[in-house]
């Protein structure tokens, strides 16, 4: 995958959570402003890209969409490597997807590390009248882990942009803080190219392109 010459940084983030919570539609809504009711479950890992502006810097985001099926958990663990941020997604209509959050939270911490930024996302808020998970319970879960909570709808785009941009902004703040710390220690700042994160695999799924296209299917 070619790197954009205009990007100051390239950050990798991962979408994770149970199958069927809408991870892939969140991805396609954010990157292409699209939603598909006909989408299929993601197999393994797929990814798309999007460029955003933060503090006058162009940041290219690699967004990796992981399969939520338990049988794929082992093969997707490697894809947390170098991830600077994660959206852990559950379906507010399905209590089981909320009850399984510890599995995903612990997996992120074990594989991406304590410095990986996390935001908890309750998806399908357009159907809040059928919700099985109370907002207060999800908010409490997030607060206990010192992570933000936001409710989204990939269907009508509610808070999708805000969720991704909030995570990206947090990653950028953390990165610049670490960079400043490195500057204090060594009196120098690394060049932007040293911060570019490149995928170290060849996808076996349908090809993606650098304009944000992917083989996104509903997780």
N, C-alpha and C. Protein backbone atom coordinates (compact mmCIF):
# COMPACT_ATOMS: atom_id res chain seq x y z
N UNK A 1 0.84 -1.19 0.00
CA UNK A 1 0.00 0.00 0.00
C UNK A 1 0.88 1.25 0.00
N UNK A 2 0.67 2.11 -0.97
CA UNK A 2 1.50 3.30 -1.11
C UNK A 2 1.18 4.31 -0.02
N UNK A 3 2.19 5.01 0.48
CA UNK A 3 1.99 6.04 1.47
C UNK A 3 1.76 7.38 0.79
N UNK A 4 0.89 8.17 1.32
CA UNK A 4 0.62 9.48 0.75
C UNK A 4 1.77 10.42 1.04
N UNK A 5 2.25 11.10 -0.01
CA UNK A 5 3.37 12.01 0.18
C UNK A 5 2.96 13.26 0.94
N UNK A 6 1.65 13.54 1.00
CA UNK A 6 1.18 14.75 1.66
C UNK A 6 0.96 14.56 3.16
N UNK A 7 0.99 13.32 3.64
CA UNK A 7 0.69 13.05 5.04
C UNK A 7 1.89 13.35 5.94
N UNK A 8 1.61 14.07 7.03
CA UNK A 8 2.65 14.31 8.02
C UNK A 8 2.84 13.09 8.92
N UNK A 9 1.75 12.38 9.18
CA UNK A 9 1.80 11.18 10.00
C UNK A 9 0.86 10.14 9.42
N UNK A 10 1.14 8.89 9.72
CA UNK A 10 0.22 7.80 9.40
C UNK A 10 -0.04 7.04 10.70
N UNK A 11 -1.29 7.03 11.14
CA UNK A 11 -1.66 6.36 12.38
C UNK A 11 -2.56 5.16 12.08
N UNK A 12 -2.32 4.08 12.77
CA UNK A 12 -3.13 2.88 12.62
C UNK A 12 -4.12 2.77 13.78
N UNK A 13 -5.40 2.59 13.43
CA UNK A 13 -6.41 2.32 14.46
C UNK A 13 -7.18 1.06 14.08
N UNK A 14 -7.76 0.43 15.07
CA UNK A 14 -8.43 -0.85 14.89
C UNK A 14 -9.86 -0.76 15.40
N UNK A 15 -10.78 -1.35 14.65
CA UNK A 15 -12.16 -1.53 15.09
C UNK A 15 -12.30 -2.95 15.62
N UNK A 16 -12.83 -3.10 16.82
CA UNK A 16 -12.98 -4.44 17.36
C UNK A 16 -14.29 -4.54 18.14
N UNK A 17 -14.70 -5.77 18.42
CA UNK A 17 -15.98 -6.03 19.07
C UNK A 17 -16.64 -7.25 18.46
N UNK A 18 -17.75 -7.67 19.03
CA UNK A 18 -18.44 -8.86 18.55
C UNK A 18 -18.87 -8.74 17.09
N UNK A 19 -19.08 -9.87 16.47
CA UNK A 19 -19.62 -9.91 15.11
C UNK A 19 -21.03 -9.36 15.11
N UNK A 20 -21.37 -8.58 14.08
CA UNK A 20 -22.73 -8.09 13.92
C UNK A 20 -23.04 -6.79 14.61
N UNK A 21 -22.05 -6.16 15.25
CA UNK A 21 -22.32 -4.90 15.96
C UNK A 21 -22.27 -3.69 15.02
N UNK A 22 -21.79 -3.89 13.79
CA UNK A 22 -21.79 -2.80 12.81
C UNK A 22 -20.45 -2.13 12.60
N UNK A 23 -19.36 -2.82 12.92
CA UNK A 23 -18.03 -2.21 12.78
C UNK A 23 -17.74 -1.80 11.34
N UNK A 24 -18.04 -2.68 10.41
CA UNK A 24 -17.71 -2.39 9.01
C UNK A 24 -18.55 -1.26 8.45
N UNK A 25 -19.79 -1.16 8.87
CA UNK A 25 -20.62 -0.05 8.41
C UNK A 25 -20.19 1.26 9.05
N UNK A 26 -19.68 1.22 10.27
CA UNK A 26 -19.09 2.43 10.86
C UNK A 26 -17.89 2.87 10.02
N UNK A 27 -17.07 1.90 9.62
CA UNK A 27 -15.91 2.21 8.80
C UNK A 27 -16.30 2.81 7.46
N UNK A 28 -17.26 2.20 6.79
CA UNK A 28 -17.65 2.70 5.46
C UNK A 28 -18.37 4.04 5.57
N UNK A 29 -19.09 4.26 6.67
CA UNK A 29 -19.76 5.56 6.86
C UNK A 29 -18.71 6.65 7.06
N UNK A 30 -17.68 6.36 7.83
CA UNK A 30 -16.65 7.37 8.09
C UNK A 30 -15.77 7.63 6.86
N UNK A 31 -15.35 6.57 6.18
CA UNK A 31 -14.40 6.74 5.08
C UNK A 31 -15.06 7.12 3.76
N UNK A 32 -16.29 6.64 3.52
CA UNK A 32 -16.92 6.88 2.21
C UNK A 32 -18.34 7.42 2.31
N UNK A 33 -18.82 7.64 3.55
CA UNK A 33 -20.19 8.08 3.79
C UNK A 33 -21.20 7.14 3.12
N UNK A 34 -20.96 5.85 3.31
CA UNK A 34 -21.83 4.83 2.75
C UNK A 34 -22.32 3.89 3.85
N UNK A 35 -23.49 3.28 3.59
CA UNK A 35 -24.05 2.28 4.51
C UNK A 35 -24.73 1.21 3.67
N UNK A 36 -24.53 -0.04 4.03
CA UNK A 36 -25.13 -1.14 3.27
C UNK A 36 -25.86 -2.10 4.18
N UNK A 37 -27.15 -2.29 3.91
CA UNK A 37 -27.93 -3.28 4.65
C UNK A 37 -27.63 -4.70 4.19
N UNK A 38 -26.96 -4.80 3.04
CA UNK A 38 -26.69 -6.11 2.45
C UNK A 38 -25.30 -6.63 2.78
N UNK A 39 -24.55 -5.89 3.60
CA UNK A 39 -23.16 -6.27 3.85
C UNK A 39 -23.06 -7.58 4.62
N UNK A 40 -21.94 -8.28 4.39
CA UNK A 40 -21.68 -9.58 5.02
C UNK A 40 -20.63 -9.45 6.11
N UNK A 41 -20.48 -10.49 6.90
CA UNK A 41 -19.51 -10.46 7.99
C UNK A 41 -18.09 -10.39 7.45
N UNK A 42 -17.27 -9.60 8.11
CA UNK A 42 -15.86 -9.50 7.75
C UNK A 42 -15.16 -10.82 8.04
N UNK A 43 -14.28 -11.23 7.13
CA UNK A 43 -13.48 -12.43 7.32
C UNK A 43 -12.04 -11.99 7.58
N UNK A 44 -11.53 -12.34 8.76
CA UNK A 44 -10.17 -11.93 9.08
C UNK A 44 -10.09 -10.45 9.35
N UNK A 45 -9.25 -9.74 8.57
CA UNK A 45 -9.04 -8.31 8.77
C UNK A 45 -9.02 -7.60 7.43
N UNK A 46 -9.71 -6.47 7.36
CA UNK A 46 -9.69 -5.62 6.18
C UNK A 46 -9.40 -4.20 6.64
N UNK A 47 -8.97 -3.34 5.71
CA UNK A 47 -8.70 -1.97 6.15
C UNK A 47 -8.95 -0.96 5.04
N UNK A 48 -9.20 0.28 5.47
CA UNK A 48 -9.36 1.42 4.60
C UNK A 48 -8.53 2.57 5.13
N UNK A 49 -8.44 3.63 4.35
CA UNK A 49 -7.67 4.79 4.78
C UNK A 49 -8.49 6.07 4.59
N UNK A 50 -8.14 7.07 5.36
CA UNK A 50 -8.73 8.39 5.21
C UNK A 50 -7.75 9.42 5.76
N UNK A 51 -7.67 10.58 5.10
CA UNK A 51 -6.82 11.65 5.59
C UNK A 51 -7.68 12.68 6.32
N UNK A 52 -7.18 13.13 7.47
CA UNK A 52 -7.87 14.14 8.27
C UNK A 52 -6.86 15.21 8.67
N UNK A 53 -7.37 16.36 9.05
CA UNK A 53 -6.53 17.47 9.50
C UNK A 53 -6.66 17.63 11.02
N UNK A 54 -5.54 17.69 11.71
CA UNK A 54 -5.51 17.95 13.15
C UNK A 54 -4.40 18.95 13.42
N UNK A 55 -4.77 20.09 13.98
CA UNK A 55 -3.78 21.14 14.31
C UNK A 55 -2.91 21.51 13.11
N UNK A 56 -3.52 21.56 11.93
CA UNK A 56 -2.79 21.94 10.73
C UNK A 56 -1.94 20.84 10.15
N UNK A 57 -1.97 19.66 10.73
CA UNK A 57 -1.21 18.52 10.23
C UNK A 57 -2.13 17.58 9.46
N UNK A 58 -1.60 17.01 8.37
CA UNK A 58 -2.35 16.01 7.62
C UNK A 58 -2.01 14.64 8.17
N UNK A 59 -3.03 13.96 8.66
CA UNK A 59 -2.83 12.63 9.25
C UNK A 59 -3.58 11.60 8.41
N UNK A 60 -2.84 10.63 7.93
CA UNK A 60 -3.45 9.53 7.19
C UNK A 60 -3.78 8.41 8.18
N UNK A 61 -5.03 8.06 8.23
CA UNK A 61 -5.50 7.04 9.17
C UNK A 61 -5.67 5.71 8.45
N UNK A 62 -4.99 4.70 8.93
CA UNK A 62 -5.25 3.33 8.49
C UNK A 62 -6.23 2.72 9.49
N UNK A 63 -7.42 2.38 9.01
CA UNK A 63 -8.46 1.84 9.89
C UNK A 63 -8.62 0.36 9.57
N UNK A 64 -8.32 -0.47 10.55
CA UNK A 64 -8.35 -1.92 10.36
C UNK A 64 -9.62 -2.48 10.99
N UNK A 65 -10.40 -3.17 10.20
CA UNK A 65 -11.68 -3.73 10.61
C UNK A 65 -11.49 -5.20 10.90
N UNK A 66 -11.59 -5.59 12.17
CA UNK A 66 -11.35 -6.98 12.55
C UNK A 66 -12.64 -7.76 12.62
N UNK A 67 -12.56 -9.03 12.25
CA UNK A 67 -13.71 -9.92 12.39
C UNK A 67 -14.01 -10.12 13.86
N UNK A 68 -15.31 -10.17 14.21
CA UNK A 68 -15.67 -10.36 15.60
C UNK A 68 -15.89 -11.80 15.98
N UNK A 69 -15.83 -12.71 14.99
CA UNK A 69 -16.08 -14.11 15.30
C UNK A 69 -14.95 -14.68 16.14
N UNK A 70 -15.31 -15.44 17.13
CA UNK A 70 -14.32 -15.98 18.07
C UNK A 70 -13.26 -16.80 17.35
N UNK A 71 -13.63 -17.52 16.28
CA UNK A 71 -12.66 -18.38 15.61
C UNK A 71 -11.56 -17.59 14.91
N UNK A 72 -11.78 -16.28 14.73
CA UNK A 72 -10.75 -15.46 14.08
C UNK A 72 -9.89 -14.69 15.07
N UNK A 73 -10.20 -14.78 16.36
CA UNK A 73 -9.50 -13.95 17.34
C UNK A 73 -8.00 -14.21 17.35
N UNK A 74 -7.61 -15.48 17.22
CA UNK A 74 -6.18 -15.81 17.27
C UNK A 74 -5.43 -15.22 16.09
N UNK A 75 -6.01 -15.28 14.89
CA UNK A 75 -5.28 -14.80 13.72
C UNK A 75 -5.28 -13.28 13.62
N UNK A 76 -6.19 -12.62 14.34
CA UNK A 76 -6.23 -11.16 14.25
C UNK A 76 -5.35 -10.49 15.30
N UNK A 77 -4.85 -11.24 16.26
CA UNK A 77 -4.07 -10.61 17.33
C UNK A 77 -2.86 -9.86 16.80
N UNK A 78 -2.24 -10.40 15.75
CA UNK A 78 -1.06 -9.74 15.19
C UNK A 78 -1.39 -8.37 14.63
N UNK A 79 -2.64 -8.13 14.28
CA UNK A 79 -3.01 -6.87 13.65
C UNK A 79 -3.17 -5.73 14.65
N UNK A 80 -3.09 -6.04 15.93
CA UNK A 80 -3.07 -4.99 16.94
C UNK A 80 -1.68 -4.35 17.03
N UNK A 81 -0.68 -5.02 16.48
CA UNK A 81 0.68 -4.50 16.56
C UNK A 81 0.77 -3.13 15.92
N UNK A 82 1.36 -2.17 16.63
CA UNK A 82 1.54 -0.79 16.18
C UNK A 82 0.24 0.02 16.14
N UNK A 83 -0.85 -0.54 16.62
CA UNK A 83 -2.10 0.23 16.66
C UNK A 83 -1.99 1.30 17.75
N UNK A 84 -2.32 2.52 17.38
CA UNK A 84 -2.27 3.62 18.34
C UNK A 84 -3.63 3.94 18.93
N UNK A 85 -4.69 3.37 18.35
CA UNK A 85 -6.03 3.62 18.85
C UNK A 85 -6.99 2.51 18.48
N UNK A 86 -8.03 2.35 19.27
CA UNK A 86 -9.03 1.30 19.04
C UNK A 86 -10.42 1.81 19.37
N UNK A 87 -11.36 1.51 18.49
CA UNK A 87 -12.77 1.68 18.81
C UNK A 87 -13.32 0.31 19.17
N UNK A 88 -13.73 0.14 20.42
CA UNK A 88 -14.38 -1.11 20.84
C UNK A 88 -15.88 -0.90 20.71
N UNK A 89 -16.51 -1.68 19.85
CA UNK A 89 -17.90 -1.45 19.47
C UNK A 89 -18.81 -2.55 20.02
N UNK A 90 -19.95 -2.14 20.56
CA UNK A 90 -20.99 -3.10 20.92
C UNK A 90 -22.33 -2.60 20.37
N UNK A 91 -23.31 -3.47 20.36
CA UNK A 91 -24.64 -3.18 19.83
C UNK A 91 -25.56 -2.90 21.02
N UNK A 92 -26.11 -1.70 21.10
CA UNK A 92 -26.96 -1.37 22.24
C UNK A 92 -28.24 -2.19 22.26
N UNK A 93 -28.54 -2.89 21.17
CA UNK A 93 -29.74 -3.72 21.10
C UNK A 93 -29.49 -5.14 21.60
N UNK A 94 -28.21 -5.52 21.77
CA UNK A 94 -27.85 -6.89 22.16
C UNK A 94 -27.01 -6.87 23.43
N UNK A 95 -27.60 -7.31 24.52
CA UNK A 95 -26.89 -7.29 25.80
C UNK A 95 -25.63 -8.13 25.77
N UNK A 96 -25.63 -9.22 25.01
CA UNK A 96 -24.47 -10.12 24.98
C UNK A 96 -23.23 -9.41 24.44
N UNK A 97 -23.41 -8.47 23.50
CA UNK A 97 -22.25 -7.77 22.95
C UNK A 97 -21.65 -6.82 23.97
N UNK A 98 -22.47 -6.34 24.91
CA UNK A 98 -21.98 -5.52 26.01
C UNK A 98 -21.30 -6.38 27.06
N UNK A 99 -21.88 -7.54 27.32
CA UNK A 99 -21.32 -8.45 28.32
C UNK A 99 -19.96 -9.00 27.89
N UNK A 100 -19.71 -9.01 26.59
CA UNK A 100 -18.43 -9.53 26.07
C UNK A 100 -17.34 -8.46 25.98
N UNK A 101 -17.63 -7.24 26.42
CA UNK A 101 -16.66 -6.16 26.25
C UNK A 101 -15.33 -6.43 26.94
N UNK A 102 -15.37 -7.08 28.10
CA UNK A 102 -14.11 -7.36 28.81
C UNK A 102 -13.15 -8.17 27.94
N UNK A 103 -13.69 -9.10 27.14
CA UNK A 103 -12.82 -9.90 26.27
C UNK A 103 -12.06 -9.01 25.31
N UNK A 104 -12.78 -8.04 24.71
CA UNK A 104 -12.16 -7.17 23.71
C UNK A 104 -11.25 -6.14 24.37
N UNK A 105 -11.68 -5.59 25.49
CA UNK A 105 -10.85 -4.60 26.18
C UNK A 105 -9.53 -5.23 26.63
N UNK A 106 -9.61 -6.42 27.21
CA UNK A 106 -8.40 -7.08 27.68
C UNK A 106 -7.50 -7.48 26.52
N UNK A 107 -8.10 -7.85 25.39
CA UNK A 107 -7.31 -8.21 24.21
C UNK A 107 -6.55 -7.00 23.67
N UNK A 108 -7.23 -5.85 23.64
CA UNK A 108 -6.56 -4.63 23.18
C UNK A 108 -5.39 -4.29 24.08
N UNK A 109 -5.62 -4.30 25.38
CA UNK A 109 -4.56 -3.96 26.32
C UNK A 109 -3.39 -4.95 26.24
N UNK A 110 -3.70 -6.22 26.03
CA UNK A 110 -2.66 -7.24 25.97
C UNK A 110 -1.84 -7.14 24.69
N UNK A 111 -2.46 -6.73 23.60
CA UNK A 111 -1.79 -6.77 22.31
C UNK A 111 -1.37 -5.41 21.77
N UNK A 112 -2.06 -4.35 22.18
CA UNK A 112 -1.72 -3.01 21.70
C UNK A 112 -1.05 -2.17 22.77
N UNK A 113 -1.18 -2.59 24.02
CA UNK A 113 -0.47 -1.91 25.09
C UNK A 113 -1.30 -0.88 25.84
N UNK A 114 -0.77 -0.44 26.96
CA UNK A 114 -1.48 0.48 27.84
C UNK A 114 -1.59 1.87 27.24
N UNK A 115 -0.71 2.23 26.30
CA UNK A 115 -0.73 3.57 25.73
C UNK A 115 -1.68 3.69 24.54
N UNK A 116 -2.24 2.59 24.10
CA UNK A 116 -3.19 2.62 22.98
C UNK A 116 -4.46 3.36 23.42
N UNK A 117 -4.86 4.39 22.67
CA UNK A 117 -6.08 5.13 22.99
C UNK A 117 -7.30 4.27 22.66
N UNK A 118 -8.29 4.31 23.54
CA UNK A 118 -9.49 3.51 23.34
C UNK A 118 -10.72 4.40 23.51
N UNK A 119 -11.73 4.18 22.65
CA UNK A 119 -13.04 4.79 22.84
C UNK A 119 -14.07 3.68 22.74
N UNK A 120 -15.02 3.69 23.67
CA UNK A 120 -16.10 2.70 23.67
C UNK A 120 -17.26 3.25 22.87
N UNK A 121 -17.77 2.43 21.93
CA UNK A 121 -18.83 2.87 21.02
C UNK A 121 -20.03 1.96 21.14
N UNK A 122 -21.18 2.56 21.51
CA UNK A 122 -22.45 1.84 21.49
C UNK A 122 -23.16 2.16 20.18
N UNK A 123 -23.25 1.19 19.28
CA UNK A 123 -23.79 1.43 17.94
C UNK A 123 -25.28 1.09 17.84
N UNK A 124 -25.89 1.60 16.79
CA UNK A 124 -27.31 1.40 16.44
C UNK A 124 -28.25 2.23 17.31
N UNK A 125 -27.80 3.44 17.66
CA UNK A 125 -28.61 4.31 18.51
C UNK A 125 -29.85 4.82 17.77
N UNK A 126 -29.90 4.66 16.45
CA UNK A 126 -31.12 5.02 15.71
C UNK A 126 -32.30 4.15 16.15
N UNK A 127 -32.01 3.01 16.79
CA UNK A 127 -33.07 2.12 17.29
C UNK A 127 -33.09 2.11 18.81
N UNK A 128 -32.82 3.26 19.40
CA UNK A 128 -32.69 3.35 20.86
C UNK A 128 -33.96 2.91 21.59
N UNK A 129 -35.11 2.99 20.94
CA UNK A 129 -36.36 2.57 21.58
C UNK A 129 -36.38 1.06 21.84
N UNK A 130 -35.45 0.32 21.20
CA UNK A 130 -35.38 -1.14 21.39
C UNK A 130 -34.13 -1.53 22.18
N UNK A 131 -33.48 -0.57 22.79
CA UNK A 131 -32.18 -0.84 23.40
C UNK A 131 -32.28 -1.85 24.54
N UNK A 132 -31.23 -2.67 24.64
CA UNK A 132 -31.12 -3.65 25.72
C UNK A 132 -30.03 -3.26 26.71
N UNK A 133 -29.21 -2.28 26.34
CA UNK A 133 -28.13 -1.80 27.20
C UNK A 133 -28.39 -0.34 27.54
N UNK A 134 -28.55 -0.05 28.82
CA UNK A 134 -28.81 1.32 29.24
C UNK A 134 -27.58 2.19 29.03
N UNK A 135 -27.81 3.43 28.65
CA UNK A 135 -26.71 4.39 28.47
C UNK A 135 -25.90 4.51 29.75
N UNK A 136 -26.58 4.58 30.88
CA UNK A 136 -25.89 4.76 32.16
C UNK A 136 -24.93 3.61 32.46
N UNK A 137 -25.32 2.39 32.10
CA UNK A 137 -24.46 1.23 32.35
C UNK A 137 -23.22 1.25 31.47
N UNK A 138 -23.41 1.62 30.21
CA UNK A 138 -22.28 1.69 29.29
C UNK A 138 -21.33 2.82 29.70
N UNK A 139 -21.91 3.96 30.09
CA UNK A 139 -21.10 5.09 30.53
C UNK A 139 -20.29 4.72 31.76
N UNK A 140 -20.91 4.01 32.69
CA UNK A 140 -20.20 3.59 33.90
C UNK A 140 -19.06 2.63 33.56
N UNK A 141 -19.31 1.72 32.63
CA UNK A 141 -18.27 0.77 32.21
C UNK A 141 -17.05 1.53 31.68
N UNK A 142 -17.31 2.54 30.84
CA UNK A 142 -16.22 3.33 30.26
C UNK A 142 -15.48 4.13 31.33
N UNK A 143 -16.24 4.76 32.23
CA UNK A 143 -15.62 5.58 33.27
C UNK A 143 -14.73 4.75 34.19
N UNK A 144 -15.13 3.52 34.47
CA UNK A 144 -14.34 2.65 35.33
C UNK A 144 -12.98 2.32 34.71
N UNK A 145 -12.91 2.43 33.38
CA UNK A 145 -11.66 2.14 32.66
C UNK A 145 -11.01 3.41 32.12
N UNK A 146 -11.58 4.54 32.50
CA UNK A 146 -11.03 5.84 32.12
C UNK A 146 -10.94 6.01 30.61
N UNK A 147 -11.99 5.59 29.92
CA UNK A 147 -12.07 5.76 28.47
C UNK A 147 -13.38 6.47 28.13
N UNK A 148 -13.42 7.20 26.99
CA UNK A 148 -14.66 7.89 26.60
C UNK A 148 -15.72 6.91 26.11
N UNK A 149 -16.98 7.33 26.18
CA UNK A 149 -18.09 6.55 25.64
C UNK A 149 -18.93 7.43 24.73
N UNK A 150 -19.31 6.89 23.57
CA UNK A 150 -20.15 7.63 22.64
C UNK A 150 -21.10 6.65 21.97
N UNK A 151 -22.32 7.10 21.68
CA UNK A 151 -23.29 6.27 20.98
C UNK A 151 -23.43 6.75 19.55
N UNK A 152 -23.46 5.79 18.63
CA UNK A 152 -23.44 6.11 17.21
C UNK A 152 -24.54 5.36 16.46
N UNK A 153 -24.74 5.80 15.22
CA UNK A 153 -25.55 5.04 14.27
C UNK A 153 -24.88 5.10 12.91
N UNK A 154 -24.43 3.97 12.43
CA UNK A 154 -23.86 3.92 11.08
C UNK A 154 -24.96 4.13 10.05
N UNK A 155 -26.19 3.78 10.39
CA UNK A 155 -27.31 3.93 9.46
C UNK A 155 -27.59 5.38 9.14
N UNK A 156 -27.74 6.22 10.16
CA UNK A 156 -28.07 7.63 9.91
C UNK A 156 -26.90 8.57 10.18
N UNK A 157 -25.72 8.00 10.44
CA UNK A 157 -24.46 8.75 10.60
C UNK A 157 -24.33 9.49 11.93
N UNK A 158 -25.24 9.26 12.87
CA UNK A 158 -25.16 9.94 14.16
C UNK A 158 -23.83 9.66 14.86
N UNK A 159 -23.08 10.72 15.14
CA UNK A 159 -21.85 10.67 15.93
C UNK A 159 -20.72 9.82 15.35
N UNK A 160 -20.86 9.34 14.12
CA UNK A 160 -19.79 8.50 13.54
C UNK A 160 -18.52 9.32 13.34
N UNK A 161 -18.67 10.47 12.69
CA UNK A 161 -17.52 11.34 12.48
C UNK A 161 -16.90 11.75 13.82
N UNK A 162 -17.76 12.08 14.77
CA UNK A 162 -17.28 12.53 16.08
C UNK A 162 -16.49 11.42 16.79
N UNK A 163 -16.96 10.18 16.68
CA UNK A 163 -16.28 9.07 17.36
C UNK A 163 -14.87 8.88 16.82
N UNK A 164 -14.75 8.83 15.50
CA UNK A 164 -13.43 8.64 14.90
C UNK A 164 -12.52 9.83 15.17
N UNK A 165 -13.05 11.03 15.01
CA UNK A 165 -12.21 12.21 15.18
C UNK A 165 -11.78 12.40 16.64
N UNK A 166 -12.63 12.02 17.56
CA UNK A 166 -12.26 12.09 18.97
C UNK A 166 -11.10 11.15 19.26
N UNK A 167 -11.15 9.95 18.70
CA UNK A 167 -10.07 8.99 18.90
C UNK A 167 -8.78 9.49 18.24
N UNK A 168 -8.90 10.00 17.01
CA UNK A 168 -7.73 10.49 16.29
C UNK A 168 -7.08 11.65 17.03
N UNK A 169 -7.90 12.57 17.55
CA UNK A 169 -7.37 13.71 18.29
C UNK A 169 -6.63 13.24 19.54
N UNK A 170 -7.16 12.22 20.22
CA UNK A 170 -6.51 11.71 21.42
C UNK A 170 -5.18 11.05 21.07
N UNK A 171 -5.15 10.30 19.97
CA UNK A 171 -3.90 9.69 19.51
C UNK A 171 -2.87 10.77 19.23
N UNK A 172 -3.31 11.83 18.53
CA UNK A 172 -2.38 12.90 18.16
C UNK A 172 -1.83 13.60 19.41
N UNK A 173 -2.70 13.86 20.39
CA UNK A 173 -2.25 14.50 21.62
C UNK A 173 -1.22 13.62 22.33
N UNK A 174 -1.52 12.33 22.42
CA UNK A 174 -0.59 11.42 23.09
C UNK A 174 0.73 11.32 22.35
N UNK A 175 0.64 11.30 21.01
CA UNK A 175 1.86 11.17 20.21
C UNK A 175 2.73 12.40 20.36
N UNK A 176 2.13 13.57 20.25
CA UNK A 176 2.93 14.79 20.36
C UNK A 176 3.51 14.95 21.76
N UNK A 177 2.78 14.50 22.78
CA UNK A 177 3.30 14.56 24.15
C UNK A 177 4.53 13.66 24.28
N UNK A 178 4.47 12.46 23.69
CA UNK A 178 5.63 11.57 23.74
C UNK A 178 6.78 12.13 22.94
N UNK A 179 6.45 12.76 21.81
CA UNK A 179 7.49 13.34 20.96
C UNK A 179 8.19 14.49 21.69
N UNK A 180 7.39 15.32 22.38
CA UNK A 180 7.98 16.41 23.15
C UNK A 180 8.87 15.88 24.27
N UNK A 181 8.43 14.77 24.86
CA UNK A 181 9.23 14.16 25.92
C UNK A 181 10.56 13.66 25.36
N UNK A 182 10.50 13.08 24.16
CA UNK A 182 11.72 12.61 23.51
C UNK A 182 12.63 13.79 23.18
N UNK A 183 12.01 14.91 22.80
CA UNK A 183 12.80 16.10 22.48
C UNK A 183 13.52 16.59 23.73
N UNK A 184 12.83 16.57 24.86
CA UNK A 184 13.46 17.01 26.11
C UNK A 184 14.63 16.11 26.49
N UNK A 185 14.45 14.79 26.20
CA UNK A 185 15.48 13.83 26.57
C UNK A 185 16.71 13.91 25.67
N UNK A 186 16.47 14.14 24.37
CA UNK A 186 17.58 14.04 23.42
C UNK A 186 17.86 15.34 22.69
N UNK A 187 17.02 16.37 22.95
CA UNK A 187 17.16 17.67 22.30
C UNK A 187 17.03 17.58 20.78
N UNK A 188 16.23 16.59 20.36
CA UNK A 188 15.96 16.49 18.94
C UNK A 188 14.60 15.82 18.76
N UNK A 189 13.98 16.06 17.59
CA UNK A 189 12.69 15.46 17.27
C UNK A 189 12.85 14.58 16.05
N UNK A 190 12.29 13.37 16.10
CA UNK A 190 12.36 12.48 14.95
C UNK A 190 11.61 13.06 13.77
N UNK A 191 12.04 12.71 12.57
CA UNK A 191 11.34 13.16 11.37
C UNK A 191 10.02 12.43 11.25
N UNK A 192 9.02 13.04 10.58
CA UNK A 192 7.71 12.41 10.45
C UNK A 192 7.76 11.01 9.87
N UNK A 193 8.71 10.74 8.96
CA UNK A 193 8.74 9.43 8.33
C UNK A 193 8.98 8.31 9.33
N UNK A 194 9.58 8.65 10.47
CA UNK A 194 9.83 7.62 11.47
C UNK A 194 8.55 7.22 12.18
N UNK A 195 7.48 8.00 11.99
CA UNK A 195 6.22 7.70 12.67
C UNK A 195 5.23 6.97 11.76
N UNK A 196 5.64 6.73 10.52
CA UNK A 196 4.72 6.06 9.60
C UNK A 196 4.66 4.58 9.91
N UNK A 197 3.45 4.09 10.05
CA UNK A 197 3.22 2.69 10.39
C UNK A 197 2.78 1.97 9.12
N UNK A 198 3.52 0.96 8.73
CA UNK A 198 3.21 0.26 7.49
C UNK A 198 2.70 -1.14 7.79
N UNK A 199 1.67 -1.60 7.08
CA UNK A 199 1.21 -2.97 7.28
C UNK A 199 2.30 -3.95 6.87
N UNK A 200 2.43 -5.01 7.64
CA UNK A 200 3.49 -5.98 7.36
C UNK A 200 2.94 -7.29 6.83
N UNK A 201 1.84 -7.20 6.08
CA UNK A 201 1.24 -8.41 5.55
C UNK A 201 0.61 -8.12 4.20
N UNK A 202 0.31 -9.16 3.48
CA UNK A 202 -0.45 -9.04 2.24
C UNK A 202 -1.84 -9.57 2.50
N UNK A 203 -2.83 -8.73 2.25
CA UNK A 203 -4.21 -9.13 2.54
C UNK A 203 -4.64 -10.25 1.63
N UNK A 204 -5.35 -11.22 2.19
CA UNK A 204 -5.92 -12.29 1.39
C UNK A 204 -7.36 -12.01 1.02
N UNK A 205 -7.86 -10.84 1.46
CA UNK A 205 -9.22 -10.45 1.14
C UNK A 205 -9.24 -9.68 -0.16
N UNK A 206 -10.39 -9.15 -0.50
CA UNK A 206 -10.51 -8.36 -1.70
C UNK A 206 -9.63 -7.13 -1.56
N UNK A 207 -9.05 -6.66 -2.67
CA UNK A 207 -8.11 -5.53 -2.57
C UNK A 207 -8.77 -4.27 -2.11
N UNK A 208 -7.99 -3.47 -1.36
CA UNK A 208 -8.43 -2.14 -0.98
C UNK A 208 -7.64 -1.15 -1.79
N UNK A 209 -8.07 0.10 -1.79
CA UNK A 209 -7.32 1.10 -2.52
C UNK A 209 -7.00 2.27 -1.62
N UNK A 210 -6.12 3.15 -2.11
CA UNK A 210 -5.61 4.23 -1.30
C UNK A 210 -6.59 5.37 -1.18
N UNK A 211 -7.73 5.25 -1.90
CA UNK A 211 -8.74 6.31 -1.82
C UNK A 211 -9.79 5.98 -0.79
N UNK A 212 -9.55 4.92 -0.01
CA UNK A 212 -10.48 4.59 1.06
C UNK A 212 -11.40 3.45 0.74
N UNK A 213 -11.34 2.89 -0.48
CA UNK A 213 -12.20 1.78 -0.83
C UNK A 213 -11.79 0.55 -0.07
N UNK A 214 -12.78 -0.26 0.34
CA UNK A 214 -12.41 -1.52 0.96
C UNK A 214 -13.48 -2.54 0.67
N UNK A 215 -13.27 -3.74 1.19
CA UNK A 215 -14.19 -4.83 0.94
C UNK A 215 -15.13 -4.95 2.12
N UNK A 216 -15.43 -3.80 2.72
CA UNK A 216 -16.12 -3.70 3.98
C UNK A 216 -17.42 -4.47 3.97
N UNK A 217 -17.56 -5.32 4.93
CA UNK A 217 -18.79 -6.04 5.11
C UNK A 217 -19.22 -5.87 6.55
N UNK A 218 -20.48 -6.02 6.84
CA UNK A 218 -20.92 -5.79 8.21
C UNK A 218 -20.36 -6.85 9.11
N UNK A 219 -19.69 -6.40 10.17
CA UNK A 219 -19.13 -7.36 11.14
C UNK A 219 -20.25 -7.94 11.97
